[in-house]
Amino acid sequence: MKKKNRQPPEAETAAQQVVEIRIQEMQAGERVDKIVTAEIEELSRSTVQKLIKERFITVNAAPVKASHRLEAGDLVLVRVPSPQPVEIHPEAIPLTILYEDAALIVVDKPAGMVTHPAYGHTSGTLVNALLAHCPPLAQMDDLERAGIVHRLDKDTSGIIVVAKTEAVRQALQAQFKAREVQKTYLALVEGHLDPAQGVIKAAIGRDPKNRKRMAVLRGGRKAITAYRGLEFFDQHCLVQVEPKTGRTHQIRVHMAFLRHPIAGDRVYGYRKQRLPLKRHFLHAQHIRFRHPQTEQVVEFCTDLPPELATLLARLRGQVSQIAPWASA
């Protein structure tokens, strides 16, 4: 029995990261593959099932099947193998291009698309699509980024800026570092924010209990987010959010810190959602920066994708109160 429960040597040596998930009462009865997929959003369900089969994932130190039902108090240990070097190939994936010139491309990324290749996502990413759309990006110093200056989470939709040359990439990154780039997001959060507008100043770092998640931590990196409630519904609030810093999962972590997590966020929000969302309601709507070549201030905006716009229209059909500053 002890031999059966041991993690195979290859899993121990190949593991890049170890994530521990302690199962809560509200998670009891769920399948292990479903819980791991929800907790580690970078991994697809098929990838999680493959890791379970290869015994990279255990429950209470024992290998299980993907269909195994969890109990409160169970400890799920996930070993995420180091990504193997892979060739990144161009893929003719349709892209919504908001703007393009000789220096840069502004893309409207859909939810569900991973920005950069990672373990379990070596194809179908924004990088694969960009290499097909603009082959010279393959000559960039960092092929895995292919000129992408900033990133969005897999299930966050909206604007991403891509540099076509190394000089443009460095110039844009300098603007981001100096906090000269203005980014605006739309988010639907649980409950009503009180006060309706404000600034969140709470340092963010790796969650010591789950290294794949972020958390508000003493000693974390400085993180600042400004927000304004725009519309108030029965149980939700539409919020305009401006991150002043660029920490991983910053908006999602800060909203959860206020106890108003983003609707549809199963990592930082509620396990059982009140709304029919297959993704979290977070959209990078607007960006403003200096064009690295012309030095002119440029800005780009994109509408909510259909699934979010339809849900918002449904909420507006109920009780809706518009904030004074939103109607001006």
C-alpha atoms as a PDB file:
ATOM      1  CA  MET A   1       0.000   0.000   0.000  1.00  0.00           C
ATOM      2  CA  LYS A   2       2.795   2.401   0.858  1.00  0.00           C
ATOM      3  CA  LYS A   3       4.429   1.739  -2.491  1.00  0.00           C
ATOM      4  CA  LYS A   4       1.182   2.516  -4.283  1.00  0.00           C
ATOM      5  CA  ASN A   5       0.768   5.838  -2.463  1.00  0.00           C
ATOM      6  CA  ARG A   6       4.239   7.124  -3.227  1.00  0.00           C
ATOM      7  CA  GLN A   7       4.562   9.856  -5.803  1.00  0.00           C
ATOM      8  CA  PRO A   8       6.555   8.522  -8.784  1.00  0.00           C
ATOM      9  CA  PRO A   9      10.184   9.782  -8.909  1.00  0.00           C
ATOM     10  CA  GLU A  10       9.668  11.475 -12.262  1.00  0.00           C
ATOM     11  CA  ALA A  11       6.885  13.589 -10.759  1.00  0.00           C
ATOM     12  CA  GLU A  12       9.138  14.704  -7.906  1.00  0.00           C
ATOM     13  CA  THR A  13      12.055  15.697 -10.127  1.00  0.00           C
ATOM     14  CA  ALA A  14      10.045  17.253 -12.947  1.00  0.00           C
ATOM     15  CA  ALA A  15       7.763  19.338 -10.736  1.00  0.00           C
ATOM     16  CA  GLN A  16       8.216  23.041 -11.192  1.00  0.00           C
ATOM     17  CA  GLN A  17       5.559  24.137  -8.717  1.00  0.00           C
ATOM     18  CA  VAL A  18       3.632  22.451  -5.952  1.00  0.00           C
ATOM     19  CA  VAL A  19       0.142  23.706  -5.140  1.00  0.00           C
ATOM     20  CA  GLU A  20      -1.748  22.589  -2.036  1.00  0.00           C
ATOM     21  CA  ILE A  21      -5.541  22.838  -2.003  1.00  0.00           C
ATOM     22  CA  ARG A  22      -7.373  22.234   1.272  1.00  0.00           C
ATOM     23  CA  ILE A  23     -10.978  21.317   0.525  1.00  0.00           C
ATOM     24  CA  GLN A  24     -13.623  23.474   2.246  1.00  0.00           C
ATOM     25  CA  GLU A  25     -17.143  22.466   3.256  1.00  0.00           C
ATOM     26  CA  MET A  26     -18.668  24.172   0.212  1.00  0.00           C
ATOM     27  CA  GLN A  27     -16.397  22.128  -2.081  1.00  0.00           C
ATOM     28  CA  ALA A  28     -17.268  18.742  -0.580  1.00  0.00           C
ATOM     29  CA  GLY A  29     -18.751  16.325  -3.107  1.00  0.00           C
ATOM     30  CA  GLU A  30     -17.079  17.944  -6.115  1.00  0.00           C
ATOM     31  CA  ARG A  31     -14.850  15.977  -8.514  1.00  0.00           C
ATOM     32  CA  VAL A  32     -11.132  16.454  -7.988  1.00  0.00           C
ATOM     33  CA  ASP A  33     -10.521  17.415 -11.650  1.00  0.00           C
ATOM     34  CA  LYS A  34     -13.185  20.130 -11.441  1.00  0.00           C
ATOM     35  CA  ILE A  35     -11.761  21.638  -8.245  1.00  0.00           C
ATOM     36  CA  VAL A  36      -8.175  21.686  -9.519  1.00  0.00           C
ATOM     37  CA  THR A  37      -9.258  23.289 -12.804  1.00  0.00           C
ATOM     38  CA  ALA A  38     -11.126  26.016 -10.886  1.00  0.00           C
ATOM     39  CA  GLU A  39      -8.230  26.660  -8.496  1.00  0.00           C
ATOM     40  CA  ILE A  40      -5.461  26.714 -11.120  1.00  0.00           C
ATOM     41  CA  GLU A  41      -6.924  28.586 -14.053  1.00  0.00           C
ATOM     42  CA  GLU A  42      -3.805  28.174 -16.206  1.00  0.00           C
ATOM     43  CA  LEU A  43      -4.568  24.447 -16.465  1.00  0.00           C
ATOM     44  CA  SER A  44      -7.355  23.169 -18.703  1.00  0.00           C
ATOM     45  CA  ARG A  45      -9.572  20.350 -17.466  1.00  0.00           C
ATOM     46  CA  SER A  46      -8.076  17.922 -19.985  1.00  0.00           C
ATOM     47  CA  THR A  47      -4.576  18.827 -18.747  1.00  0.00           C
ATOM     48  CA  VAL A  48      -5.658  18.285 -15.142  1.00  0.00           C
ATOM     49  CA  GLN A  49      -7.081  14.881 -16.046  1.00  0.00           C
ATOM     50  CA  LYS A  50      -3.774  13.989 -17.720  1.00  0.00           C
ATOM     51  CA  LEU A  51      -1.851  15.054 -14.596  1.00  0.00           C
ATOM     52  CA  ILE A  52      -4.157  12.927 -12.431  1.00  0.00           C
ATOM     53  CA  LYS A  53      -3.606   9.913 -14.679  1.00  0.00           C
ATOM     54  CA  GLU A  54       0.156  10.414 -14.480  1.00  0.00           C
ATOM     55  CA  ARG A  55      -0.062  10.761 -10.661  1.00  0.00           C
ATOM     56  CA  PHE A  56       1.097  14.369 -10.519  1.00  0.00           C
ATOM     57  CA  ILE A  57      -2.066  15.059  -8.494  1.00  0.00           C
ATOM     58  CA  THR A  58      -2.871  13.224  -5.266  1.00  0.00           C
ATOM     59  CA  VAL A  59      -5.533  13.420  -2.569  1.00  0.00           C
ATOM     60  CA  ASN A  60      -4.279  12.890   0.973  1.00  0.00           C
ATOM     61  CA  ALA A  61      -1.012  11.591  -0.536  1.00  0.00           C
ATOM     62  CA  ALA A  62      -2.788   8.890  -2.554  1.00  0.00           C
ATOM     63  CA  PRO A  63      -3.359   8.719  -6.322  1.00  0.00           C
ATOM     64  CA  VAL A  64      -7.004   8.974  -7.384  1.00  0.00           C
ATOM     65  CA  LYS A  65      -9.148   9.006 -10.492  1.00  0.00           C
ATOM     66  CA  ALA A  66     -10.390  12.238 -12.059  1.00  0.00           C
ATOM     67  CA  SER A  67     -13.931  11.360 -10.976  1.00  0.00           C
ATOM     68  CA  HIS A  68     -12.944  11.029  -7.301  1.00  0.00           C
ATOM     69  CA  ARG A  69     -15.347  12.968  -5.051  1.00  0.00           C
ATOM     70  CA  LEU A  70     -13.673  15.122  -2.440  1.00  0.00           C
ATOM     71  CA  GLU A  71     -14.523  15.528   1.236  1.00  0.00           C
ATOM     72  CA  ALA A  72     -14.097  18.558   3.481  1.00  0.00           C
ATOM     73  CA  GLY A  73     -10.577  18.603   4.912  1.00  0.00           C
ATOM     74  CA  ASP A  74      -9.005  16.632   2.059  1.00  0.00           C
ATOM     75  CA  LEU A  75      -5.581  17.842   0.966  1.00  0.00           C
ATOM     76  CA  VAL A  76      -5.115  17.929  -2.796  1.00  0.00           C
ATOM     77  CA  LEU A  77      -1.480  18.165  -3.845  1.00  0.00           C
ATOM     78  CA  VAL A  78      -0.817  19.340  -7.395  1.00  0.00           C
ATOM     79  CA  ARG A  79       2.638  19.059  -8.909  1.00  0.00           C
ATOM     80  CA  VAL A  80       2.851  21.146 -12.060  1.00  0.00           C
ATOM     81  CA  PRO A  81       5.680  19.777 -14.236  1.00  0.00           C
ATOM     82  CA  SER A  82       8.267  22.093 -15.704  1.00  0.00           C
ATOM     83  CA  PRO A  83       7.287  23.001 -19.250  1.00  0.00           C
ATOM     84  CA  GLN A  84       9.290  21.140 -21.843  1.00  0.00           C
ATOM     85  CA  PRO A  85      10.937  23.246 -24.568  1.00  0.00           C
ATOM     86  CA  VAL A  86       8.540  23.384 -27.482  1.00  0.00           C
ATOM     87  CA  GLU A  87       8.526  25.049 -30.852  1.00  0.00           C
ATOM     88  CA  ILE A  88       5.966  27.829 -31.072  1.00  0.00           C
ATOM     89  CA  HIS A  89       4.242  27.625 -34.424  1.00  0.00           C
ATOM     90  CA  PRO A  90       2.101  30.240 -36.180  1.00  0.00           C
ATOM     91  CA  GLU A  91      -1.594  29.357 -36.173  1.00  0.00           C
ATOM     92  CA  ALA A  92      -4.208  30.992 -38.383  1.00  0.00           C
ATOM     93  CA  ILE A  93      -6.490  31.959 -35.510  1.00  0.00           C
ATOM     94  CA  PRO A  94      -8.875  34.874 -36.224  1.00  0.00           C
ATOM     95  CA  LEU A  95      -7.947  38.070 -34.391  1.00  0.00           C
ATOM     96  CA  THR A  96      -9.904  41.252 -33.787  1.00  0.00           C
ATOM     97  CA  ILE A  97      -7.423  44.007 -34.670  1.00  0.00           C
ATOM     98  CA  LEU A  98      -8.427  47.426 -33.335  1.00  0.00           C
ATOM     99  CA  TYR A  99      -5.400  49.215 -34.791  1.00  0.00           C
ATOM    100  CA  GLU A 100      -2.165  48.398 -36.574  1.00  0.00           C
ATOM    101  CA  ASP A 101       0.742  50.348 -38.029  1.00  0.00           C
ATOM    102  CA  ALA A 102       4.445  49.738 -38.618  1.00  0.00           C
ATOM    103  CA  ALA A 103       5.213  49.958 -34.888  1.00  0.00           C
ATOM    104  CA  LEU A 104       2.452  48.181 -33.013  1.00  0.00           C
ATOM    105  CA  ILE A 105      -0.776  46.185 -33.030  1.00  0.00           C
ATOM    106  CA  VAL A 106      -3.745  46.670 -30.706  1.00  0.00           C
ATOM    107  CA  VAL A 107      -5.745  43.477 -30.276  1.00  0.00           C
ATOM    108  CA  ASP A 108      -9.124  42.784 -28.670  1.00  0.00           C
ATOM    109  CA  LYS A 109      -8.424  39.431 -26.970  1.00  0.00           C
ATOM    110  CA  PRO A 110     -11.398  37.125 -26.406  1.00  0.00           C
ATOM    111  CA  ALA A 111     -12.026  35.383 -23.102  1.00  0.00           C
ATOM    112  CA  GLY A 112     -10.781  31.798 -23.078  1.00  0.00           C
ATOM    113  CA  MET A 113      -7.595  32.584 -25.017  1.00  0.00           C
ATOM    114  CA  VAL A 114      -4.316  32.215 -23.134  1.00  0.00           C
ATOM    115  CA  THR A 115      -1.902  35.083 -23.796  1.00  0.00           C
ATOM    116  CA  HIS A 116       1.419  33.225 -23.721  1.00  0.00           C
ATOM    117  CA  PRO A 117       2.264  29.522 -24.192  1.00  0.00           C
ATOM    118  CA  ALA A 118       2.472  27.626 -20.889  1.00  0.00           C
ATOM    119  CA  TYR A 119       2.200  24.098 -19.584  1.00  0.00           C
ATOM    120  CA  GLY A 120      -0.967  22.616 -21.048  1.00  0.00           C
ATOM    121  CA  HIS A 121      -1.350  25.553 -23.453  1.00  0.00           C
ATOM    122  CA  THR A 122       1.312  25.192 -26.140  1.00  0.00           C
ATOM    123  CA  SER A 123      -1.082  26.046 -28.968  1.00  0.00           C
ATOM    124  CA  GLY A 124      -4.141  28.202 -29.511  1.00  0.00           C
ATOM    125  CA  THR A 125      -2.587  31.126 -27.635  1.00  0.00           C
ATOM    126  CA  LEU A 126      -2.475  34.785 -28.619  1.00  0.00           C
ATOM    127  CA  VAL A 127       1.222  34.338 -29.432  1.00  0.00           C
ATOM    128  CA  ASN A 128       0.429  31.561 -31.931  1.00  0.00           C
ATOM    129  CA  ALA A 129      -2.180  33.783 -33.581  1.00  0.00           C
ATOM    130  CA  LEU A 130       0.120  36.827 -33.704  1.00  0.00           C
ATOM    131  CA  LEU A 131       2.951  34.871 -35.336  1.00  0.00           C
ATOM    132  CA  ALA A 132       0.589  33.917 -38.155  1.00  0.00           C
ATOM    133  CA  HIS A 133      -0.767  37.461 -38.495  1.00  0.00           C
ATOM    134  CA  CYS A 134       2.660  39.132 -38.366  1.00  0.00           C
ATOM    135  CA  PRO A 135       5.524  36.673 -39.140  1.00  0.00           C
ATOM    136  CA  PRO A 136       8.336  39.200 -38.358  1.00  0.00           C
ATOM    137  CA  LEU A 137       7.354  38.907 -34.666  1.00  0.00           C
ATOM    138  CA  ALA A 138       9.233  35.610 -34.700  1.00  0.00           C
ATOM    139  CA  GLN A 139      12.453  37.670 -34.765  1.00  0.00           C
ATOM    140  CA  MET A 140      11.740  39.315 -31.392  1.00  0.00           C
ATOM    141  CA  ASP A 141      14.205  38.615 -28.580  1.00  0.00           C
ATOM    142  CA  ASP A 142      11.591  36.755 -26.535  1.00  0.00           C
ATOM    143  CA  LEU A 143       9.637  34.523 -28.919  1.00  0.00           C
ATOM    144  CA  GLU A 144       7.293  33.299 -26.170  1.00  0.00           C
ATOM    145  CA  ARG A 145       6.015  36.874 -25.792  1.00  0.00           C
ATOM    146  CA  ALA A 146       6.179  37.820 -29.481  1.00  0.00           C
ATOM    147  CA  GLY A 147       6.123  41.546 -28.725  1.00  0.00           C
ATOM    148  CA  ILE A 148       3.237  41.430 -26.220  1.00  0.00           C
ATOM    149  CA  VAL A 149       3.855  44.278 -23.799  1.00  0.00           C
ATOM    150  CA  HIS A 150       1.369  43.342 -21.060  1.00  0.00           C
ATOM    151  CA  ARG A 151      -0.945  40.407 -20.427  1.00  0.00           C
ATOM    152  CA  LEU A 152      -4.531  39.562 -19.589  1.00  0.00           C
ATOM    153  CA  ASP A 153      -5.734  36.513 -17.690  1.00  0.00           C
ATOM    154  CA  LYS A 154      -7.184  33.698 -19.769  1.00  0.00           C
ATOM    155  CA  ASP A 155     -10.810  34.603 -19.007  1.00  0.00           C
ATOM    156  CA  THR A 156     -10.335  38.380 -19.117  1.00  0.00           C
ATOM    157  CA  SER A 157     -11.255  39.891 -22.467  1.00  0.00           C
ATOM    158  CA  GLY A 158     -10.176  43.166 -23.992  1.00  0.00           C
ATOM    159  CA  ILE A 159      -7.265  45.263 -25.177  1.00  0.00           C
ATOM    160  CA  ILE A 160      -3.680  44.061 -25.458  1.00  0.00           C
ATOM    161  CA  VAL A 161      -0.887  46.082 -27.068  1.00  0.00           C
ATOM    162  CA  VAL A 162       1.773  44.307 -29.139  1.00  0.00           C
ATOM    163  CA  ALA A 163       5.078  45.844 -30.246  1.00  0.00           C
ATOM    164  CA  LYS A 164       6.432  44.937 -33.684  1.00  0.00           C
ATOM    165  CA  THR A 165      10.055  45.778 -32.906  1.00  0.00           C
ATOM    166  CA  GLU A 166      12.300  45.411 -29.876  1.00  0.00           C
ATOM    167  CA  ALA A 167      12.787  49.182 -29.647  1.00  0.00           C
ATOM    168  CA  VAL A 168       9.038  49.800 -29.556  1.00  0.00           C
ATOM    169  CA  ARG A 169       8.569  47.058 -26.961  1.00  0.00           C
ATOM    170  CA  GLN A 170      11.156  48.602 -24.657  1.00  0.00           C
ATOM    171  CA  ALA A 171       9.656  52.086 -25.081  1.00  0.00           C
ATOM    172  CA  LEU A 172       6.172  50.829 -24.210  1.00  0.00           C
ATOM    173  CA  GLN A 173       7.448  48.853 -21.241  1.00  0.00           C
ATOM    174  CA  ALA A 174       9.129  52.020 -19.958  1.00  0.00           C
ATOM    175  CA  GLN A 175       5.749  53.795 -20.055  1.00  0.00           C
ATOM    176  CA  PHE A 176       4.119  50.946 -18.137  1.00  0.00           C
ATOM    177  CA  LYS A 177       6.908  50.990 -15.551  1.00  0.00           C
ATOM    178  CA  ALA A 178       6.558  54.761 -15.114  1.00  0.00           C
ATOM    179  CA  ARG A 179       2.763  54.324 -14.723  1.00  0.00           C
ATOM    180  CA  GLU A 180       2.120  56.586 -17.693  1.00  0.00           C
ATOM    181  CA  VAL A 181      -0.251  54.135 -19.369  1.00  0.00           C
ATOM    182  CA  GLN A 182      -3.915  54.536 -18.429  1.00  0.00           C
ATOM    183  CA  LYS A 183      -5.935  51.312 -18.479  1.00  0.00           C
ATOM    184  CA  THR A 184      -9.637  51.119 -17.734  1.00  0.00           C
ATOM    185  CA  TYR A 185     -11.616  47.947 -17.092  1.00  0.00           C
ATOM    186  CA  LEU A 186     -15.296  47.188 -16.664  1.00  0.00           C
ATOM    187  CA  ALA A 187     -16.154  44.663 -13.969  1.00  0.00           C
ATOM    188  CA  LEU A 188     -19.360  43.337 -12.484  1.00  0.00           C
ATOM    189  CA  VAL A 189     -18.882  42.630  -8.790  1.00  0.00           C
ATOM    190  CA  GLU A 190     -20.963  40.898  -6.149  1.00  0.00           C
ATOM    191  CA  GLY A 191     -22.959  43.190  -3.859  1.00  0.00           C
ATOM    192  CA  HIS A 192     -22.884  47.001  -3.639  1.00  0.00           C
ATOM    193  CA  LEU A 193     -19.596  48.804  -3.093  1.00  0.00           C
ATOM    194  CA  ASP A 194     -19.623  51.150  -0.106  1.00  0.00           C
ATOM    195  CA  PRO A 195     -18.211  53.699  -0.607  1.00  0.00           C
ATOM    196  CA  ALA A 196     -19.221  53.678  -4.264  1.00  0.00           C
ATOM    197  CA  GLN A 197     -15.849  55.034  -5.340  1.00  0.00           C
ATOM    198  CA  GLY A 198     -12.404  54.909  -3.854  1.00  0.00           C
ATOM    199  CA  VAL A 199      -8.798  53.749  -4.082  1.00  0.00           C
ATOM    200  CA  ILE A 200      -7.543  50.386  -2.847  1.00  0.00           C
ATOM    201  CA  LYS A 201      -3.973  50.395  -1.555  1.00  0.00           C
ATOM    202  CA  ALA A 202      -3.116  46.840  -0.525  1.00  0.00           C
ATOM    203  CA  ALA A 203       0.131  45.005  -1.268  1.00  0.00           C
ATOM    204  CA  ILE A 204      -0.147  41.780  -3.273  1.00  0.00           C
ATOM    205  CA  GLY A 205       2.031  38.676  -3.206  1.00  0.00           C
ATOM    206  CA  ARG A 206       1.899  34.926  -3.779  1.00  0.00           C
ATOM    207  CA  ASP A 207      -0.627  33.203  -1.555  1.00  0.00           C
ATOM    208  CA  PRO A 208       1.510  31.071   0.806  1.00  0.00           C
ATOM    209  CA  LYS A 209      -1.273  28.448   0.898  1.00  0.00           C
ATOM    210  CA  ASN A 210      -1.550  28.216  -2.896  1.00  0.00           C
ATOM    211  CA  ARG A 211       1.373  29.384  -4.994  1.00  0.00           C
ATOM    212  CA  LYS A 212      -0.780  29.652  -8.112  1.00  0.00           C
ATOM    213  CA  ARG A 213      -2.956  32.309  -6.484  1.00  0.00           C
ATOM    214  CA  MET A 214      -2.243  35.838  -5.354  1.00  0.00           C
ATOM    215  CA  ALA A 215      -3.360  37.461  -2.099  1.00  0.00           C
ATOM    216  CA  VAL A 216      -3.232  40.723  -0.160  1.00  0.00           C
ATOM    217  CA  LEU A 217      -0.154  40.239   2.006  1.00  0.00           C
ATOM    218  CA  ARG A 218       1.932  42.275   4.378  1.00  0.00           C
ATOM    219  CA  GLY A 219       5.296  42.485   2.685  1.00  0.00           C
ATOM    220  CA  GLY A 220       3.822  41.993  -0.793  1.00  0.00           C
ATOM    221  CA  ARG A 221       4.454  44.301  -3.741  1.00  0.00           C
ATOM    222  CA  LYS A 222       2.770  47.698  -3.784  1.00  0.00           C
ATOM    223  CA  ALA A 223      -0.591  47.572  -5.553  1.00  0.00           C
ATOM    224  CA  ILE A 224      -3.061  50.425  -6.156  1.00  0.00           C
ATOM    225  CA  THR A 225      -6.487  50.202  -7.790  1.00  0.00           C
ATOM    226  CA  ALA A 226      -8.992  53.037  -8.282  1.00  0.00           C
ATOM    227  CA  TYR A 227     -12.668  52.177  -8.775  1.00  0.00           C
ATOM    228  CA  ARG A 228     -16.025  53.867  -9.380  1.00  0.00           C
ATOM    229  CA  GLY A 229     -19.402  52.186  -9.192  1.00  0.00           C
ATOM    230  CA  LEU A 230     -21.421  52.958 -12.342  1.00  0.00           C
ATOM    231  CA  GLU A 231     -24.659  51.010 -11.972  1.00  0.00           C
ATOM    232  CA  PHE A 232     -26.245  49.196  -9.051  1.00  0.00           C
ATOM    233  CA  PHE A 233     -28.503  46.175  -9.477  1.00  0.00           C
ATOM    234  CA  ASP A 234     -30.251  43.941  -6.959  1.00  0.00           C
ATOM    235  CA  GLN A 235     -27.178  41.934  -5.989  1.00  0.00           C
ATOM    236  CA  HIS A 236     -24.420  43.303  -8.201  1.00  0.00           C
ATOM    237  CA  CYS A 237     -22.603  46.472  -9.176  1.00  0.00           C
ATOM    238  CA  LEU A 238     -21.040  47.495 -12.503  1.00  0.00           C
ATOM    239  CA  VAL A 239     -17.682  49.078 -11.739  1.00  0.00           C
ATOM    240  CA  GLN A 240     -15.119  51.060 -13.710  1.00  0.00           C
ATOM    241  CA  VAL A 241     -11.657  50.057 -12.528  1.00  0.00           C
ATOM    242  CA  GLU A 242      -8.263  51.671 -13.131  1.00  0.00           C
ATOM    243  CA  PRO A 243      -5.249  49.692 -11.922  1.00  0.00           C
ATOM    244  CA  LYS A 244      -2.427  52.094 -11.145  1.00  0.00           C
ATOM    245  CA  THR A 245       0.043  49.227 -10.814  1.00  0.00           C
ATOM    246  CA  GLY A 246       0.262  45.967 -12.748  1.00  0.00           C
ATOM    247  CA  ARG A 247       0.341  43.073 -10.306  1.00  0.00           C
ATOM    248  CA  THR A 248      -0.798  39.586 -11.317  1.00  0.00           C
ATOM    249  CA  HIS A 249      -4.598  39.210 -10.857  1.00  0.00           C
ATOM    250  CA  GLN A 250      -4.581  42.675  -9.228  1.00  0.00           C
ATOM    251  CA  ILE A 251      -8.187  43.712  -9.910  1.00  0.00           C
ATOM    252  CA  ARG A 252      -9.579  40.297  -9.011  1.00  0.00           C
ATOM    253  CA  VAL A 253      -7.592  40.154  -5.761  1.00  0.00           C
ATOM    254  CA  HIS A 254      -8.449  43.718  -4.729  1.00  0.00           C
ATOM    255  CA  MET A 255     -12.177  43.294  -5.391  1.00  0.00           C
ATOM    256  CA  ALA A 256     -12.175  40.064  -3.381  1.00  0.00           C
ATOM    257  CA  PHE A 257     -10.258  41.894  -0.622  1.00  0.00           C
ATOM    258  CA  LEU A 258     -13.178  44.352  -0.397  1.00  0.00           C
ATOM    259  CA  ARG A 259     -15.489  41.316  -0.145  1.00  0.00           C
ATOM    260  CA  HIS A 260     -16.995  42.214  -3.501  1.00  0.00           C
ATOM    261  CA  PRO A 261     -15.426  39.597  -5.795  1.00  0.00           C
ATOM    262  CA  ILE A 262     -15.924  39.746  -9.532  1.00  0.00           C
ATOM    263  CA  ALA A 263     -18.977  37.852 -10.760  1.00  0.00           C
ATOM    264  CA  GLY A 264     -18.018  34.555 -12.341  1.00  0.00           C
ATOM    265  CA  ASP A 265     -14.586  34.426 -10.662  1.00  0.00           C
ATOM    266  CA  ARG A 266     -14.372  30.913  -9.244  1.00  0.00           C
ATOM    267  CA  VAL A 267     -10.799  31.368  -8.016  1.00  0.00           C
ATOM    268  CA  TYR A 268     -11.208  34.495  -5.891  1.00  0.00           C
ATOM    269  CA  GLY A 269     -14.994  34.655  -5.705  1.00  0.00           C
ATOM    270  CA  TYR A 270     -17.930  32.419  -4.910  1.00  0.00           C
ATOM    271  CA  ARG A 271     -17.909  28.717  -5.767  1.00  0.00           C
ATOM    272  CA  LYS A 272     -21.609  28.776  -6.530  1.00  0.00           C
ATOM    273  CA  GLN A 273     -22.328  31.731  -8.777  1.00  0.00           C
ATOM    274  CA  ARG A 274     -25.544  33.738  -8.800  1.00  0.00           C
ATOM    275  CA  LEU A 275     -25.327  34.498 -12.512  1.00  0.00           C
ATOM    276  CA  PRO A 276     -25.044  32.229 -15.593  1.00  0.00           C
ATOM    277  CA  LEU A 277     -21.409  33.041 -16.401  1.00  0.00           C
ATOM    278  CA  LYS A 278     -18.838  30.670 -17.862  1.00  0.00           C
ATOM    279  CA  ARG A 279     -16.096  33.266 -17.302  1.00  0.00           C
ATOM    280  CA  HIS A 280     -15.471  36.138 -14.919  1.00  0.00           C
ATOM    281  CA  PHE A 281     -16.989  39.521 -15.777  1.00  0.00           C
ATOM    282  CA  LEU A 282     -13.819  41.538 -16.333  1.00  0.00           C
ATOM    283  CA  HIS A 283     -13.100  43.380 -19.583  1.00  0.00           C
ATOM    284  CA  ALA A 284     -10.135  45.603 -20.500  1.00  0.00           C
ATOM    285  CA  GLN A 285     -12.169  48.324 -22.178  1.00  0.00           C
ATOM    286  CA  HIS A 286      -9.827  51.264 -22.741  1.00  0.00           C
ATOM    287  CA  ILE A 287      -6.119  52.098 -22.946  1.00  0.00           C
ATOM    288  CA  ARG A 288      -4.248  55.389 -23.374  1.00  0.00           C
ATOM    289  CA  PHE A 289      -0.504  55.842 -23.989  1.00  0.00           C
ATOM    290  CA  ARG A 290       2.082  57.754 -26.016  1.00  0.00           C
ATOM    291  CA  HIS A 291       2.853  56.243 -29.398  1.00  0.00           C
ATOM    292  CA  PRO A 292       6.575  55.321 -29.179  1.00  0.00           C
ATOM    293  CA  GLN A 293       7.357  56.648 -32.656  1.00  0.00           C
ATOM    294  CA  THR A 294       5.107  59.697 -33.091  1.00  0.00           C
ATOM    295  CA  GLU A 295       5.023  60.696 -29.374  1.00  0.00           C
ATOM    296  CA  GLN A 296       1.330  61.478 -29.889  1.00  0.00           C
ATOM    297  CA  VAL A 297      -1.121  60.339 -27.207  1.00  0.00           C
ATOM    298  CA  VAL A 298      -3.305  57.565 -28.614  1.00  0.00           C
ATOM    299  CA  GLU A 299      -6.241  55.753 -27.049  1.00  0.00           C
ATOM    300  CA  PHE A 300      -8.314  52.734 -27.969  1.00  0.00           C
ATOM    301  CA  CYS A 301     -11.629  51.398 -26.728  1.00  0.00           C
ATOM    302  CA  THR A 302     -13.588  48.204 -27.239  1.00  0.00           C
ATOM    303  CA  ASP A 303     -17.154  47.209 -26.395  1.00  0.00           C
ATOM    304  CA  LEU A 304     -18.147  44.443 -24.034  1.00  0.00           C
ATOM    305  CA  PRO A 305     -18.215  41.034 -25.744  1.00  0.00           C
ATOM    306  CA  PRO A 306     -21.719  39.676 -26.516  1.00  0.00           C
ATOM    307  CA  GLU A 307     -21.958  37.318 -23.531  1.00  0.00           C
ATOM    308  CA  LEU A 308     -21.248  40.135 -21.067  1.00  0.00           C
ATOM    309  CA  ALA A 309     -23.364  42.723 -22.897  1.00  0.00           C
ATOM    310  CA  THR A 310     -26.331  40.323 -22.941  1.00  0.00           C
ATOM    311  CA  LEU A 311     -26.041  39.653 -19.216  1.00  0.00           C
ATOM    312  CA  LEU A 312     -25.784  43.362 -18.476  1.00  0.00           C
ATOM    313  CA  ALA A 313     -28.911  44.078 -20.544  1.00  0.00           C
ATOM    314  CA  ARG A 314     -30.739  41.427 -18.551  1.00  0.00           C
ATOM    315  CA  LEU A 315     -29.694  43.046 -15.258  1.00  0.00           C
ATOM    316  CA  ARG A 316     -30.755  46.464 -16.529  1.00  0.00           C
ATOM    317  CA  GLY A 317     -34.204  45.015 -17.101  1.00  0.00           C
ATOM    318  CA  GLN A 318     -34.424  44.572 -13.333  1.00  0.00           C
ATOM    319  CA  VAL A 319     -33.757  47.288 -10.759  1.00  0.00           C
ATOM    320  CA  SER A 320     -30.941  49.579 -11.849  1.00  0.00           C
ATOM    321  CA  GLN A 321     -29.610  52.740 -10.259  1.00  0.00           C
ATOM    322  CA  ILE A 322     -27.036  54.789 -12.153  1.00  0.00           C
ATOM    323  CA  ALA A 323     -24.377  56.628 -10.168  1.00  0.00           C
ATOM    324  CA  PRO A 324     -24.497  60.456 -10.613  1.00  0.00           C
ATOM    325  CA  TRP A 325     -21.027  60.642 -12.142  1.00  0.00           C
ATOM    326  CA  ALA A 326     -21.833  57.859 -14.603  1.00  0.00           C
ATOM    327  CA  SER A 327     -24.765  59.719 -16.158  1.00  0.00           C
ATOM    328  CA  ALA A 328     -22.909  63.009 -16.584  1.00  0.00           C
END
